[in-house]
Each structure stands twice: as structure tokens, then as C-alpha cells.
């Protein structure tokens, strides 16, 4: 993956594994995304993981990814899968229903 330039807008899909449901991960992710002025969404997965799509300038998306590895205080993140995503999928940051 070529290194993006800092002002470029990128989108990343994250799949967060560990103790990430029932610990306010989605609500905390929404607060963090809004603080960073990112677009996208977050939702629980029936598998017990949390999925997120974040879109914005490179440094802000990278800051969110760094936050996602820790999450809120009650979470225990085991690992985070990250892949490129389509920025057109991202609107105002929201919490989506479980899928």
C-alpha cells in the first residue's frame, strides 16, 4: 500500500476483537470519531467483535486507529484488523445496528 500524503482523505474498515461489547466501545468510538472530525460508522457484530468505518485526513484516521487498539477503559482489545475502504460509504459518524 503506497504511503498516502497527510492532507489526502482515506477510509479504513476496522474489525476490533476482544472484550469490546458491553463496555461502551461503540459510544466511545463515536465520541472519538467526532472529536477527530471523522465520518463513518461503528457497529457490533454478532461474532462479538466491533466493526468500524472511518474516513478523513490521514493523520486523524491514524489517530483513531491508535485509539481503537485501546478503546474505552473497560475494553480489552486483543487485535484490530484494518483494510482499505471506499470513502463514499462514510456519512456523518453514527452508531449502526448490530449485524
N, C-alpha and C. Protein backbone atom coordinates (compact mmCIF):
# COMPACT_ATOMS: atom_id res chain seq x y z
N UNK A 1 0.85 -1.17 0.00
CA UNK A 1 0.00 0.00 0.00
C UNK A 1 0.90 1.24 0.00
N UNK A 2 0.81 2.13 -1.00
CA UNK A 2 1.64 3.33 -1.02
C UNK A 2 1.30 4.25 0.14
N UNK A 3 2.30 4.98 0.61
CA UNK A 3 2.11 5.89 1.74
C UNK A 3 1.28 7.09 1.29
N UNK A 4 0.09 7.33 1.90
CA UNK A 4 -0.74 8.47 1.50
C UNK A 4 -0.14 9.79 2.00
N UNK A 5 -0.46 10.87 1.30
CA UNK A 5 0.00 12.17 1.76
C UNK A 5 -0.93 12.66 2.87
N UNK A 6 -0.40 13.42 3.85
CA UNK A 6 -1.18 13.79 5.04
C UNK A 6 -2.52 14.48 4.78
N UNK A 7 -2.63 15.31 3.73
CA UNK A 7 -3.88 16.03 3.51
C UNK A 7 -4.92 15.19 2.75
N UNK A 8 -4.50 14.06 2.24
CA UNK A 8 -5.40 13.18 1.50
C UNK A 8 -6.44 12.56 2.43
N UNK A 9 -7.67 12.39 1.93
CA UNK A 9 -8.72 11.71 2.71
C UNK A 9 -8.65 10.23 2.40
N UNK A 10 -8.66 9.43 3.45
CA UNK A 10 -8.62 7.99 3.30
C UNK A 10 -9.78 7.38 4.09
N UNK A 11 -10.08 6.14 3.80
CA UNK A 11 -11.10 5.40 4.56
C UNK A 11 -10.51 4.05 4.94
N UNK A 12 -10.79 3.63 6.16
CA UNK A 12 -10.33 2.33 6.65
C UNK A 12 -11.47 1.63 7.36
N UNK A 13 -11.57 0.32 7.13
CA UNK A 13 -12.53 -0.52 7.84
C UNK A 13 -11.75 -1.26 8.90
N UNK A 14 -12.26 -1.22 10.13
CA UNK A 14 -11.60 -1.88 11.26
C UNK A 14 -12.51 -2.96 11.81
N UNK A 15 -11.93 -4.07 12.18
CA UNK A 15 -12.64 -5.13 12.89
C UNK A 15 -11.88 -5.33 14.19
N UNK A 16 -12.52 -4.97 15.30
CA UNK A 16 -11.87 -4.94 16.61
C UNK A 16 -12.31 -6.17 17.40
N UNK A 17 -11.33 -6.95 17.84
CA UNK A 17 -11.59 -8.20 18.55
C UNK A 17 -11.16 -8.09 20.01
N UNK A 18 -11.84 -8.82 20.87
CA UNK A 18 -11.52 -8.85 22.30
C UNK A 18 -12.79 -8.64 23.10
N UNK A 19 -12.64 -8.11 24.31
CA UNK A 19 -13.81 -7.76 25.14
C UNK A 19 -14.20 -6.34 24.74
N UNK A 20 -15.01 -6.26 23.68
CA UNK A 20 -15.33 -4.95 23.10
C UNK A 20 -16.84 -4.69 23.01
N UNK A 21 -17.65 -5.62 23.49
CA UNK A 21 -19.10 -5.39 23.55
C UNK A 21 -19.51 -5.33 25.01
N UNK A 22 -20.48 -4.45 25.30
CA UNK A 22 -20.94 -4.28 26.68
C UNK A 22 -20.00 -3.43 27.51
N UNK A 23 -19.11 -2.69 26.84
CA UNK A 23 -18.13 -1.85 27.55
C UNK A 23 -18.14 -0.41 27.01
N UNK A 24 -19.22 -0.04 26.33
CA UNK A 24 -19.38 1.31 25.74
C UNK A 24 -18.36 1.59 24.64
N UNK A 25 -17.93 0.54 23.94
CA UNK A 25 -16.96 0.74 22.86
C UNK A 25 -17.56 1.58 21.74
N UNK A 26 -18.78 1.25 21.30
CA UNK A 26 -19.38 1.99 20.18
C UNK A 26 -19.60 3.45 20.53
N UNK A 27 -20.16 3.72 21.70
CA UNK A 27 -20.41 5.11 22.11
C UNK A 27 -19.09 5.87 22.23
N UNK A 28 -18.08 5.23 22.80
CA UNK A 28 -16.78 5.87 22.94
C UNK A 28 -16.13 6.10 21.59
N UNK A 29 -16.31 5.16 20.66
CA UNK A 29 -15.76 5.31 19.31
C UNK A 29 -16.42 6.49 18.60
N UNK A 30 -17.73 6.65 18.81
CA UNK A 30 -18.43 7.78 18.19
C UNK A 30 -17.90 9.10 18.74
N UNK A 31 -17.70 9.18 20.04
CA UNK A 31 -17.16 10.40 20.65
C UNK A 31 -15.77 10.69 20.09
N UNK A 32 -14.92 9.67 20.01
CA UNK A 32 -13.56 9.85 19.49
C UNK A 32 -13.57 10.27 18.03
N UNK A 33 -14.42 9.64 17.22
CA UNK A 33 -14.51 9.99 15.80
C UNK A 33 -15.00 11.43 15.62
N UNK A 34 -15.97 11.83 16.42
CA UNK A 34 -16.47 13.21 16.33
C UNK A 34 -15.41 14.20 16.80
N UNK A 35 -14.65 13.83 17.83
CA UNK A 35 -13.55 14.69 18.30
C UNK A 35 -12.53 14.91 17.19
N UNK A 36 -12.28 13.85 16.42
CA UNK A 36 -11.30 13.92 15.33
C UNK A 36 -11.92 14.42 14.02
N UNK A 37 -13.22 14.72 14.04
CA UNK A 37 -13.95 15.20 12.86
C UNK A 37 -13.88 14.20 11.70
N UNK A 38 -14.14 12.93 12.03
CA UNK A 38 -14.15 11.86 11.03
C UNK A 38 -15.58 11.51 10.65
N UNK A 39 -15.76 10.98 9.47
CA UNK A 39 -17.05 10.44 9.08
C UNK A 39 -16.97 8.92 9.14
N UNK A 40 -18.14 8.27 9.09
CA UNK A 40 -18.16 6.81 9.11
C UNK A 40 -19.20 6.26 10.05
N UNK A 41 -18.94 5.08 10.58
CA UNK A 41 -19.90 4.42 11.47
C UNK A 41 -19.20 3.35 12.29
N UNK A 42 -19.91 2.86 13.30
CA UNK A 42 -19.44 1.76 14.14
C UNK A 42 -20.64 0.88 14.47
N UNK A 43 -20.41 -0.43 14.59
CA UNK A 43 -21.50 -1.34 14.95
C UNK A 43 -20.93 -2.60 15.61
N UNK A 44 -21.76 -3.23 16.42
CA UNK A 44 -21.42 -4.54 16.97
C UNK A 44 -21.62 -5.58 15.88
N UNK A 45 -20.84 -6.65 15.96
CA UNK A 45 -21.03 -7.82 15.10
C UNK A 45 -21.55 -8.96 15.96
N UNK A 46 -22.36 -9.80 15.39
CA UNK A 46 -22.89 -10.94 16.15
C UNK A 46 -21.78 -11.86 16.65
N UNK A 47 -20.62 -11.80 16.01
CA UNK A 47 -19.47 -12.63 16.40
C UNK A 47 -18.85 -12.18 17.72
N UNK A 48 -19.25 -10.99 18.21
CA UNK A 48 -18.68 -10.45 19.45
C UNK A 48 -17.64 -9.37 19.21
N UNK A 49 -17.32 -9.13 17.94
CA UNK A 49 -16.37 -8.07 17.62
C UNK A 49 -17.12 -6.76 17.36
N UNK A 50 -16.37 -5.70 17.12
CA UNK A 50 -16.93 -4.40 16.73
C UNK A 50 -16.32 -4.05 15.39
N UNK A 51 -17.15 -3.55 14.48
CA UNK A 51 -16.70 -3.12 13.16
C UNK A 51 -16.86 -1.62 13.04
N UNK A 52 -15.89 -0.96 12.42
CA UNK A 52 -15.98 0.48 12.23
C UNK A 52 -15.47 0.85 10.84
N UNK A 53 -16.03 1.90 10.30
CA UNK A 53 -15.53 2.51 9.07
C UNK A 53 -15.22 3.96 9.43
N UNK A 54 -14.00 4.38 9.17
CA UNK A 54 -13.62 5.77 9.46
C UNK A 54 -13.03 6.40 8.21
N UNK A 55 -13.36 7.66 7.99
CA UNK A 55 -12.91 8.38 6.80
C UNK A 55 -12.53 9.80 7.19
N UNK A 56 -11.39 10.25 6.69
CA UNK A 56 -10.94 11.60 6.96
C UNK A 56 -9.49 11.76 6.55
N UNK A 57 -8.87 12.88 6.95
CA UNK A 57 -7.46 13.10 6.65
C UNK A 57 -6.58 12.02 7.30
N UNK A 58 -5.50 11.67 6.63
CA UNK A 58 -4.61 10.60 7.08
C UNK A 58 -4.27 10.67 8.57
N UNK A 59 -3.76 11.82 9.09
CA UNK A 59 -3.35 11.84 10.50
C UNK A 59 -4.50 11.56 11.47
N UNK A 60 -5.70 12.00 11.11
CA UNK A 60 -6.85 11.80 12.00
C UNK A 60 -7.32 10.35 11.98
N UNK A 61 -7.32 9.74 10.80
CA UNK A 61 -7.68 8.32 10.70
C UNK A 61 -6.65 7.49 11.47
N UNK A 62 -5.38 7.82 11.32
CA UNK A 62 -4.34 7.10 12.05
C UNK A 62 -4.51 7.27 13.56
N UNK A 63 -4.91 8.46 14.00
CA UNK A 63 -5.14 8.69 15.44
C UNK A 63 -6.31 7.84 15.93
N UNK A 64 -7.36 7.71 15.12
CA UNK A 64 -8.50 6.87 15.51
C UNK A 64 -8.07 5.41 15.60
N UNK A 65 -7.29 4.96 14.64
CA UNK A 65 -6.81 3.57 14.66
C UNK A 65 -5.98 3.31 15.91
N UNK A 66 -5.14 4.26 16.27
CA UNK A 66 -4.35 4.12 17.51
C UNK A 66 -5.29 4.01 18.71
N UNK A 67 -6.32 4.87 18.77
CA UNK A 67 -7.29 4.81 19.86
C UNK A 67 -8.01 3.45 19.86
N UNK A 68 -8.36 2.94 18.68
CA UNK A 68 -9.12 1.68 18.57
C UNK A 68 -8.37 0.50 19.17
N UNK A 69 -7.04 0.56 19.18
CA UNK A 69 -6.25 -0.52 19.77
C UNK A 69 -6.38 -0.56 21.29
N UNK A 70 -6.84 0.52 21.90
CA UNK A 70 -7.05 0.58 23.35
C UNK A 70 -8.54 0.59 23.68
N UNK A 71 -9.30 1.46 22.99
CA UNK A 71 -10.73 1.59 23.26
C UNK A 71 -10.99 2.25 24.59
N UNK A 72 -12.23 2.17 25.08
CA UNK A 72 -12.58 2.77 26.37
C UNK A 72 -11.96 1.97 27.52
N UNK A 73 -11.96 2.54 28.72
CA UNK A 73 -11.28 1.89 29.86
C UNK A 73 -11.70 0.45 30.14
N UNK A 74 -12.98 0.11 29.98
CA UNK A 74 -13.44 -1.24 30.32
C UNK A 74 -13.16 -2.28 29.22
N UNK A 75 -12.73 -1.83 28.05
CA UNK A 75 -12.47 -2.75 26.94
C UNK A 75 -11.12 -3.45 27.11
N UNK A 76 -11.03 -4.62 26.48
CA UNK A 76 -9.75 -5.32 26.35
C UNK A 76 -9.63 -5.72 24.89
N UNK A 77 -8.85 -4.95 24.15
CA UNK A 77 -8.70 -5.20 22.72
C UNK A 77 -7.58 -6.21 22.52
N UNK A 78 -7.91 -7.33 21.86
CA UNK A 78 -6.90 -8.35 21.56
C UNK A 78 -6.16 -8.03 20.27
N UNK A 79 -6.90 -7.69 19.22
CA UNK A 79 -6.27 -7.25 17.98
C UNK A 79 -7.28 -6.53 17.09
N UNK A 80 -6.73 -5.76 16.16
CA UNK A 80 -7.55 -4.97 15.24
C UNK A 80 -7.13 -5.31 13.82
N UNK A 81 -8.10 -5.74 13.02
CA UNK A 81 -7.86 -5.96 11.59
C UNK A 81 -8.19 -4.66 10.86
N UNK A 82 -7.34 -4.25 9.93
CA UNK A 82 -7.53 -2.99 9.22
C UNK A 82 -7.41 -3.25 7.72
N UNK A 83 -8.35 -2.70 6.95
CA UNK A 83 -8.23 -2.78 5.49
C UNK A 83 -8.73 -1.47 4.88
N UNK A 84 -8.34 -1.24 3.63
CA UNK A 84 -8.80 -0.05 2.92
C UNK A 84 -10.30 -0.16 2.69
N UNK A 85 -10.95 1.00 2.59
CA UNK A 85 -12.39 1.03 2.37
C UNK A 85 -12.73 2.14 1.39
N UNK A 86 -13.95 2.13 0.94
CA UNK A 86 -14.45 3.13 0.00
C UNK A 86 -14.96 4.35 0.78
N UNK A 87 -14.35 5.52 0.60
CA UNK A 87 -14.78 6.72 1.34
C UNK A 87 -16.24 7.10 1.08
N UNK A 88 -16.81 6.67 -0.05
CA UNK A 88 -18.20 7.04 -0.34
C UNK A 88 -19.19 6.34 0.59
N UNK A 89 -18.74 5.33 1.34
CA UNK A 89 -19.61 4.63 2.30
C UNK A 89 -19.80 5.43 3.59
N UNK A 90 -19.01 6.49 3.79
CA UNK A 90 -19.00 7.21 5.06
C UNK A 90 -19.83 8.48 4.99
N UNK A 91 -20.78 8.61 5.94
CA UNK A 91 -21.52 9.85 6.11
C UNK A 91 -21.19 10.39 7.49
N UNK A 92 -22.05 11.21 8.05
CA UNK A 92 -21.84 11.69 9.42
C UNK A 92 -21.66 10.48 10.33
N UNK A 93 -20.71 10.53 11.26
CA UNK A 93 -20.39 9.35 12.07
C UNK A 93 -21.60 8.93 12.89
N UNK A 94 -21.91 7.64 12.83
CA UNK A 94 -23.09 7.12 13.52
C UNK A 94 -22.83 5.74 14.11
N UNK A 95 -23.71 5.36 15.02
CA UNK A 95 -23.71 4.00 15.57
C UNK A 95 -24.79 3.24 14.81
N UNK A 96 -24.40 2.16 14.17
CA UNK A 96 -25.34 1.36 13.38
C UNK A 96 -25.81 0.15 14.18
N UNK A 97 -26.94 -0.44 13.76
CA UNK A 97 -27.43 -1.65 14.44
C UNK A 97 -26.47 -2.82 14.26
N UNK A 98 -26.55 -3.75 15.18
CA UNK A 98 -25.74 -4.97 15.11
C UNK A 98 -26.00 -5.71 13.81
N UNK A 99 -24.94 -6.28 13.26
CA UNK A 99 -25.07 -7.07 12.03
C UNK A 99 -24.36 -8.39 12.21
